[in-house]
């Protein structure tokens, strides 16, 4: 299998578990007798494993090579997913989430590093869109498993099997990952040697713009992942929708992110980055308002679709404009802070929503997502530059 195709499948595999949990959690927690907010334990453990593995992946690649890193990490995600499928209690699910996070973090870091050296900009954009495709497939797999009477365990088992097959593909292509130049694109030139003039990390962290950027990424993650995780609960328990229709709606939400990321590259340069961001943030607020409105289920579904389409370009465009906010010398470090902040926000905020849902009911989702969208807009809109940096 060509390496480019394997890379696309790898990014699809990263998105699948995110889509599984949103539909599977109500059934998982009911079977194990856990409260709604217990999902926070799963999210925090998965995120901890993800952050640890993503930071360590560069060192591991230097020792074993990217091919073995991807093979081992994919096997780890398969084990984690299988652990979900056979877990007898929440503690086992949490342990499986750690394995899943460790595998996903290493895959994400390893594939991104390899793609940056060997693939062109077009494939980099589409590789990230493939994550959205995987997140779109996840709810469909889980909904299909539930409809077939296999329970939520069958959904996790099916994806674990697919991940195991992908790990075999990575093992078979270890040498090609070391030697190949896929996609017909020459590798990027190596970075110039250090001159000693780069700003120290402490100077980067002292910039207010870095922390405003981190806050923006936290708010963005709260919108995207909070809506994706809890929409199924809102539509079924709050708006009375059929479970299969609600599962399809959640899949369509992730699909709207996928479609939006495919399309944005074709129009962003013509429209302009900051105009695109302004319009996207306005669309996120409008969509979140529809979700929050006390209206029938189809209105909430329409709001979710609008949130997904509008949110699609925000993460990549905010990342792209980081140097404008903090300066070229600080951009790499600032991006690292932003990505880390997004990971933490994507755990803490959805978990917090879960606690509120357990106490106040599923209708709290809409106001929470609307609030996060308004915070993100408030961080961006005071100036043309996304987070309003100083000189």
Protein backbone atom coordinates (compact mmCIF):
# COMPACT_ATOMS: atom_id res chain seq x y z
CA UNK A 1 0.00 0.00 0.00
CA UNK A 2 1.49 3.40 -0.92
CA UNK A 3 2.64 5.41 2.05
CA UNK A 4 0.44 8.36 1.15
CA UNK A 5 -2.65 6.18 1.33
CA UNK A 6 -1.47 4.68 4.63
CA UNK A 7 -1.01 8.21 5.99
CA UNK A 8 -4.57 9.11 5.02
CA UNK A 9 -5.91 5.96 6.65
CA UNK A 10 -3.85 6.78 9.74
CA UNK A 11 -5.48 10.19 10.09
CA UNK A 12 -8.91 8.65 9.55
CA UNK A 13 -8.10 6.24 12.38
CA UNK A 14 -7.35 9.17 14.70
CA UNK A 15 -10.87 10.54 14.29
CA UNK A 16 -12.80 7.29 14.69
CA UNK A 17 -12.63 7.00 18.52
CA UNK A 18 -13.87 10.58 19.03
CA UNK A 19 -17.04 9.78 17.11
CA UNK A 20 -17.54 6.47 18.92
CA UNK A 21 -17.64 7.88 22.43
CA UNK A 22 -20.36 10.48 21.83
CA UNK A 23 -22.92 7.88 20.69
CA UNK A 24 -21.67 5.02 22.85
CA UNK A 25 -21.35 6.82 26.19
CA UNK A 26 -25.06 6.89 27.18
CA UNK A 27 -25.23 3.12 26.64
CA UNK A 28 -21.82 2.45 28.21
CA UNK A 29 -22.58 4.39 31.38
CA UNK A 30 -26.06 2.84 31.68
CA UNK A 31 -24.64 -0.69 31.51
CA UNK A 32 -21.86 0.04 33.99
CA UNK A 33 -24.09 2.11 36.30
CA UNK A 34 -22.03 5.32 36.11
CA UNK A 35 -23.20 8.99 36.24
CA UNK A 36 -23.12 11.19 33.14
CA UNK A 37 -20.13 13.19 34.39
CA UNK A 38 -17.96 10.10 34.75
CA UNK A 39 -16.90 10.60 31.14
CA UNK A 40 -14.48 13.19 32.53
CA UNK A 41 -12.26 10.42 33.92
CA UNK A 42 -12.05 8.88 30.45
CA UNK A 43 -11.31 12.19 28.75
CA UNK A 44 -8.63 13.26 31.23
CA UNK A 45 -6.84 9.92 31.07
CA UNK A 46 -6.93 9.84 27.26
CA UNK A 47 -5.63 13.40 27.07
CA UNK A 48 -2.84 12.70 29.55
CA UNK A 49 -1.70 9.75 27.47
CA UNK A 50 -1.98 11.81 24.28
CA UNK A 51 0.15 14.67 25.61
CA UNK A 52 2.80 12.32 27.00
CA UNK A 53 3.06 10.35 23.76
CA UNK A 54 3.05 13.35 21.45
CA UNK A 55 5.92 14.96 23.35
CA UNK A 56 7.89 11.69 23.45
CA UNK A 57 7.27 10.65 19.85
CA UNK A 58 10.19 12.62 18.43
CA UNK A 59 12.65 10.87 20.72
CA UNK A 60 11.11 7.48 19.94
CA UNK A 61 11.28 8.11 16.20
CA UNK A 62 15.01 8.85 16.45
CA UNK A 63 15.55 5.46 18.11
CA UNK A 64 13.20 3.10 16.23
CA UNK A 65 12.13 5.01 13.09
CA UNK A 66 8.72 6.37 12.14
CA UNK A 67 7.51 3.08 10.65
CA UNK A 68 7.92 1.12 13.88
CA UNK A 69 6.56 4.07 15.87
CA UNK A 70 3.38 4.09 13.77
CA UNK A 71 3.05 0.30 13.87
CA UNK A 72 3.46 0.11 17.63
CA UNK A 73 1.24 3.09 18.31
CA UNK A 74 -1.55 1.77 16.10
CA UNK A 75 -1.34 -1.58 17.89
CA UNK A 76 -1.64 0.35 21.15
CA UNK A 77 -4.81 2.11 19.97
CA UNK A 78 -6.22 -1.25 18.86
CA UNK A 79 -5.54 -2.62 22.34
CA UNK A 80 -7.18 0.41 23.94
CA UNK A 81 -10.30 0.09 21.78
CA UNK A 82 -10.48 -3.63 22.49
CA UNK A 83 -10.17 -2.76 26.18
CA UNK A 84 -13.25 -0.55 25.88
CA UNK A 85 -15.11 -3.44 24.27
CA UNK A 86 -14.45 -5.94 27.07
CA UNK A 87 -14.25 -3.61 30.09
CA UNK A 88 -16.30 -4.88 33.04
CA UNK A 89 -16.16 -1.61 35.00
CA UNK A 90 -15.31 2.07 34.65
CA UNK A 91 -11.79 1.62 35.99
CA UNK A 92 -11.02 -0.72 33.09
CA UNK A 93 -12.49 1.79 30.62
CA UNK A 94 -10.27 4.51 32.07
CA UNK A 95 -7.20 2.26 31.75
CA UNK A 96 -8.15 1.52 28.14
CA UNK A 97 -8.50 5.28 27.53
CA UNK A 98 -4.89 5.74 28.64
CA UNK A 99 -3.72 3.19 26.05
CA UNK A 100 -5.86 4.86 23.42
CA UNK A 101 -4.44 8.29 24.24
CA UNK A 102 -0.85 7.04 24.19
CA UNK A 103 -1.34 5.46 20.77
CA UNK A 104 -3.20 8.41 19.28
CA UNK A 105 -0.65 10.97 20.49
CA UNK A 106 2.26 9.08 18.96
CA UNK A 107 0.41 8.50 15.68
CA UNK A 108 -0.56 12.17 15.42
CA UNK A 109 2.94 13.43 16.15
CA UNK A 110 4.69 10.83 13.98
CA UNK A 111 2.45 11.29 10.95
CA UNK A 112 2.57 15.08 11.15
CA UNK A 113 6.35 15.13 11.40
CA UNK A 114 6.73 12.75 8.45
CA UNK A 115 4.15 14.60 6.35
CA UNK A 116 5.86 17.93 6.98
CA UNK A 117 9.07 16.52 5.50
CA UNK A 118 7.67 14.52 2.59
CA UNK A 119 4.22 15.78 1.53
CA UNK A 120 3.17 19.04 -0.09
CA UNK A 121 0.79 21.62 1.36
CA UNK A 122 -2.25 20.19 -0.45
CA UNK A 123 -1.82 16.78 1.11
CA UNK A 124 -1.14 18.29 4.53
CA UNK A 125 -4.54 20.05 4.40
CA UNK A 126 -6.35 16.95 3.20
CA UNK A 127 -4.65 14.74 5.75
CA UNK A 128 -6.11 16.87 8.51
CA UNK A 129 -9.50 16.77 6.82
CA UNK A 130 -9.24 12.99 6.99
CA UNK A 131 -9.45 13.24 10.77
CA UNK A 132 -12.91 14.74 10.32
CA UNK A 133 -13.82 11.90 8.00
CA UNK A 134 -12.84 9.40 10.67
CA UNK A 135 -14.87 11.27 13.28
CA UNK A 136 -17.80 11.15 10.83
CA UNK A 137 -17.51 7.37 10.47
CA UNK A 138 -17.33 6.80 14.24
CA UNK A 139 -20.98 7.60 15.05
CA UNK A 140 -22.12 5.59 12.02
CA UNK A 141 -20.17 2.54 13.22
CA UNK A 142 -21.54 2.83 16.75
CA UNK A 143 -25.10 3.53 15.56
CA UNK A 144 -24.91 0.51 13.24
CA UNK A 145 -23.62 -1.71 16.04
CA UNK A 146 -26.43 -0.62 18.34
CA UNK A 147 -29.05 -1.10 15.63
CA UNK A 148 -27.71 -4.61 14.96
CA UNK A 149 -28.04 -5.52 18.61
CA UNK A 150 -24.26 -5.73 19.19
CA UNK A 151 -24.32 -3.07 21.94
CA UNK A 152 -21.67 -0.39 22.33
CA UNK A 153 -19.07 -3.13 22.82
CA UNK A 154 -19.55 -4.27 19.23
CA UNK A 155 -18.83 -0.76 17.95
CA UNK A 156 -15.54 -0.58 19.80
CA UNK A 157 -14.66 -4.12 18.77
CA UNK A 158 -15.18 -3.36 15.08
CA UNK A 159 -12.91 -0.33 15.18
CA UNK A 160 -10.32 -2.24 17.22
CA UNK A 161 -10.20 -4.86 14.47
CA UNK A 162 -9.72 -2.17 11.81
CA UNK A 163 -6.92 -0.60 13.84
CA UNK A 164 -5.23 -3.97 14.18
CA UNK A 165 -5.26 -4.40 10.39
CA UNK A 166 -3.80 -0.91 9.99
CA UNK A 167 -1.00 -1.83 12.42
CA UNK A 168 -0.18 -4.80 10.19
CA UNK A 169 0.00 -2.42 7.23
CA UNK A 170 2.44 -0.19 9.10
CA UNK A 171 4.60 -3.20 10.02
CA UNK A 172 4.69 -4.32 6.38
CA UNK A 173 5.81 -0.86 5.27
CA UNK A 174 8.48 -0.13 7.91
CA UNK A 175 11.32 -0.01 5.40
CA UNK A 176 9.34 2.19 3.02
CA UNK A 177 8.66 4.70 5.79
CA UNK A 178 12.40 4.90 6.38
CA UNK A 179 13.47 5.17 2.75
CA UNK A 180 10.49 6.31 0.67
CA UNK A 181 9.60 9.69 -0.73
CA UNK A 182 5.85 9.31 -1.29
CA UNK A 183 3.50 11.45 -3.25
CA UNK A 184 6.07 12.76 -5.67
CA UNK A 185 6.89 15.68 -3.40
CA UNK A 186 10.48 16.39 -2.45
CA UNK A 187 11.26 16.54 1.24
CA UNK A 188 11.31 19.92 2.83
CA UNK A 189 14.71 21.51 3.23
CA UNK A 190 16.28 20.98 6.64
CA UNK A 191 16.07 23.92 9.01
CA UNK A 192 19.04 26.28 9.07
CA UNK A 193 21.54 25.84 11.87
CA UNK A 194 20.84 27.71 15.05
CA UNK A 195 22.47 31.12 15.31
CA UNK A 196 21.83 31.49 19.01
CA UNK A 197 19.60 34.49 18.29
CA UNK A 198 16.29 32.66 18.73
CA UNK A 199 14.19 33.98 21.60
CA UNK A 200 14.24 31.81 24.68
CA UNK A 201 11.13 29.90 25.66
CA UNK A 202 10.65 32.14 28.70
CA UNK A 203 10.38 35.19 26.42
CA UNK A 204 7.75 33.46 24.34
CA UNK A 205 5.74 32.54 27.41
CA UNK A 206 5.96 36.13 28.66
CA UNK A 207 4.01 37.40 25.64
CA UNK A 208 0.35 38.16 26.48
CA UNK A 209 -0.57 37.27 22.88
CA UNK A 210 0.58 33.69 23.46
CA UNK A 211 -1.83 33.24 26.34
CA UNK A 212 -4.66 35.01 24.54
CA UNK A 213 -4.05 32.59 21.70
CA UNK A 214 -4.09 29.65 24.11
CA UNK A 215 -7.40 30.88 25.55
CA UNK A 216 -8.84 31.07 22.04
CA UNK A 217 -7.84 27.49 21.31
CA UNK A 218 -9.34 26.32 24.61
CA UNK A 219 -12.64 28.00 23.72
CA UNK A 220 -12.56 26.54 20.20
CA UNK A 221 -12.01 23.03 21.54
CA UNK A 222 -14.93 23.52 23.91
CA UNK A 223 -17.22 24.27 20.97
CA UNK A 224 -16.06 21.54 18.59
CA UNK A 225 -15.58 18.67 21.03
CA UNK A 226 -18.29 19.68 23.49
CA UNK A 227 -20.90 19.71 20.74
CA UNK A 228 -19.59 16.48 19.24
CA UNK A 229 -19.57 14.58 22.53
CA UNK A 230 -22.91 15.67 23.98
CA UNK A 231 -25.10 16.31 20.93
CA UNK A 232 -26.42 12.74 20.97
CA UNK A 233 -27.48 13.10 24.62
CA UNK A 234 -29.18 16.43 23.89
CA UNK A 235 -31.03 15.13 20.83
CA UNK A 236 -32.24 11.91 22.48
CA UNK A 237 -32.81 12.83 26.13
CA UNK A 238 -33.50 16.52 25.63
CA UNK A 239 -35.33 16.75 22.31
CA UNK A 240 -36.86 13.28 22.08
CA UNK A 241 -35.26 12.21 18.80
CA UNK A 242 -35.01 8.58 17.74
CA UNK A 243 -31.64 7.11 18.71
CA UNK A 244 -30.68 6.11 15.16
CA UNK A 245 -31.63 9.51 13.76
CA UNK A 246 -29.67 11.20 16.54
CA UNK A 247 -26.63 9.03 15.75
CA UNK A 248 -26.87 10.03 12.10
CA UNK A 249 -27.15 13.68 13.12
CA UNK A 250 -23.97 13.46 15.20
CA UNK A 251 -22.21 11.80 12.27
CA UNK A 252 -23.45 14.61 10.02
CA UNK A 253 -22.01 17.14 12.47
CA UNK A 254 -18.55 15.60 12.19
CA UNK A 255 -19.09 15.33 8.44
CA UNK A 256 -19.74 19.06 8.20
CA UNK A 257 -16.32 19.67 9.75
CA UNK A 258 -14.77 17.31 7.22
CA UNK A 259 -16.50 18.97 4.25
CA UNK A 260 -15.68 22.44 5.50
CA UNK A 261 -11.99 21.62 5.79
CA UNK A 262 -11.94 20.22 2.28
CA UNK A 263 -13.53 23.34 0.84
CA UNK A 264 -11.73 26.03 2.79
CA UNK A 265 -8.46 25.65 0.90
CA UNK A 266 -10.22 26.50 -2.34
CA UNK A 267 -11.65 29.82 -1.14
CA UNK A 268 -9.61 31.05 1.83
CA UNK A 269 -6.94 32.75 -0.29
CA UNK A 270 -9.54 34.56 -2.39
CA UNK A 271 -11.66 35.63 0.58
CA UNK A 272 -8.74 36.43 2.88
CA UNK A 273 -7.77 34.73 6.12
CA UNK A 274 -9.22 37.31 8.48
CA UNK A 275 -12.48 37.71 6.59
CA UNK A 276 -12.83 33.95 6.61
CA UNK A 277 -12.21 33.83 10.35
CA UNK A 278 -14.71 36.62 11.03
CA UNK A 279 -17.40 34.90 9.02
CA UNK A 280 -16.62 31.55 10.61
CA UNK A 281 -16.90 32.90 14.14
CA UNK A 282 -20.19 34.59 13.30
CA UNK A 283 -21.48 31.30 11.93
CA UNK A 284 -20.38 29.44 15.06
CA UNK A 285 -22.27 31.88 17.28
CA UNK A 286 -25.38 31.66 15.10
CA UNK A 287 -25.28 27.85 15.02
CA UNK A 288 -24.74 27.61 18.78
CA UNK A 289 -27.72 29.94 19.31
CA UNK A 290 -29.89 27.52 17.33
CA UNK A 291 -28.67 24.63 19.46
CA UNK A 292 -29.46 26.61 22.62
CA UNK A 293 -32.94 27.65 21.44
CA UNK A 294 -35.86 25.76 23.07
CA UNK A 295 -36.95 24.34 19.73
CA UNK A 296 -37.62 20.88 18.24
CA UNK A 297 -34.80 18.48 17.44
CA UNK A 298 -34.43 19.41 13.75
CA UNK A 299 -33.62 23.00 14.74
CA UNK A 300 -30.83 21.78 17.01
CA UNK A 301 -29.55 19.54 14.21
CA UNK A 302 -29.48 22.53 11.84
CA UNK A 303 -27.55 24.47 14.46
CA UNK A 304 -25.04 21.66 14.82
CA UNK A 305 -24.49 21.54 11.05
CA UNK A 306 -23.90 25.30 11.00
CA UNK A 307 -21.48 25.08 13.92
CA UNK A 308 -19.55 22.33 12.16
CA UNK A 309 -19.29 24.09 8.81
CA UNK A 310 -18.36 27.41 10.40
CA UNK A 311 -15.83 25.90 12.81
CA UNK A 312 -14.04 23.87 10.13
CA UNK A 313 -11.39 26.47 9.14
CA UNK A 314 -10.90 28.10 12.55
CA UNK A 315 -8.22 25.81 13.99
CA UNK A 316 -6.00 25.73 10.88
CA UNK A 317 -6.40 29.46 10.16
CA UNK A 318 -5.68 30.52 13.73
CA UNK A 319 -2.61 28.29 13.60
CA UNK A 320 -1.60 29.76 10.23
CA UNK A 321 -1.75 33.33 11.55
CA UNK A 322 0.17 32.67 14.77
CA UNK A 323 3.30 34.44 13.49
CA UNK A 324 1.25 37.60 12.88
CA UNK A 325 0.31 37.67 16.55
CA UNK A 326 3.57 36.73 18.22
CA UNK A 327 6.29 37.27 15.61
CA UNK A 328 8.20 34.75 13.52
CA UNK A 329 10.77 34.02 16.21
CA UNK A 330 8.11 32.95 18.70
CA UNK A 331 5.69 31.22 16.32
CA UNK A 332 6.85 27.60 16.72
CA UNK A 333 6.74 27.72 20.50
CA UNK A 334 3.42 29.55 20.50
CA UNK A 335 1.89 26.93 18.21
CA UNK A 336 3.00 24.24 20.64
CA UNK A 337 1.31 26.10 23.49
CA UNK A 338 -1.84 26.52 21.42
CA UNK A 339 -2.05 22.85 20.45
CA UNK A 340 -1.50 21.82 24.05
CA UNK A 341 -4.17 24.28 25.18
CA UNK A 342 -6.60 22.85 22.64
CA UNK A 343 -5.97 19.34 23.96
CA UNK A 344 -6.57 20.44 27.53
CA UNK A 345 -9.63 22.47 26.59
CA UNK A 346 -10.99 19.57 24.58
CA UNK A 347 -10.87 17.50 27.76
CA UNK A 348 -11.79 19.92 30.54
CA UNK A 349 -14.67 21.76 28.88
CA UNK A 350 -16.60 18.72 27.57
CA UNK A 351 -16.06 17.05 30.94
CA UNK A 352 -17.42 20.15 32.66
CA UNK A 353 -20.44 20.10 30.36
CA UNK A 354 -21.00 16.48 31.41
CA UNK A 355 -21.04 17.46 35.08
CA UNK A 356 -23.58 20.21 34.35
CA UNK A 357 -25.72 17.83 32.30
CA UNK A 358 -25.74 15.40 35.22
CA UNK A 359 -27.02 18.15 37.53
CA UNK A 360 -29.14 20.36 35.26
CA UNK A 361 -30.09 18.15 32.31
CA UNK A 362 -29.02 17.95 28.65
CA UNK A 363 -30.43 21.36 27.70
CA UNK A 364 -27.37 22.97 29.30
CA UNK A 365 -25.30 21.96 26.25
CA UNK A 366 -26.59 24.75 24.00
CA UNK A 367 -25.83 27.64 26.39
CA UNK A 368 -22.38 26.19 27.12
CA UNK A 369 -21.45 25.91 23.43
CA UNK A 370 -22.86 29.40 22.79
CA UNK A 371 -20.81 30.79 25.65
CA UNK A 372 -17.59 29.23 24.35
CA UNK A 373 -18.29 30.56 20.85
CA UNK A 374 -18.85 34.08 22.21
CA UNK A 375 -15.60 33.94 24.20
CA UNK A 376 -13.73 32.90 21.07
CA UNK A 377 -15.30 35.71 19.07
CA UNK A 378 -14.47 38.22 21.81
CA UNK A 379 -10.81 37.18 21.68
CA UNK A 380 -10.70 37.60 17.90
CA UNK A 381 -12.94 40.49 16.89
CA UNK A 382 -11.30 43.51 18.65
CA UNK A 383 -8.79 43.70 15.80
CA UNK A 384 -8.20 42.29 12.33
CA UNK A 385 -5.42 40.16 13.72
CA UNK A 386 -6.98 37.08 15.32
CA UNK A 387 -6.02 37.57 18.95
CA UNK A 388 -4.96 41.21 18.87
CA UNK A 389 -1.24 41.07 19.53
CA UNK A 390 0.96 44.00 20.26
CA UNK A 391 4.13 44.81 18.30
